[in-house]
């Protein structure tokens, strides 16, 4: 043998998730998801986590992303409700004029 049989060609295993800086555990993710289901508490907690100076950076980014998505969804729903409300209003007006 020429000595190459003893060399391990496999890549080293990745580090465990707990050693990554800012990684959230499964328990922390479950708490975040459960808090998002409670009305009013979800907004307050996301604001606290998004604008706090300390804490977990991953949780801060999740909270910021959640707030951005929430604002976008609210804006789209206001636009669609306005367009849909006007359409329904004009439809009802035309139906009322049709009867007369």
Foldseek 3Di string as FASTA:
>chain_A
DPPPVPDDPDDDDDDDQVPDALRDDPVRVVVLVVQCVDPPSNLVVLVCLCPPPDDRPVSNVVSVVVVVVVVVVVVVVVVVCVVVVVVVVVVVVVVVVVVD
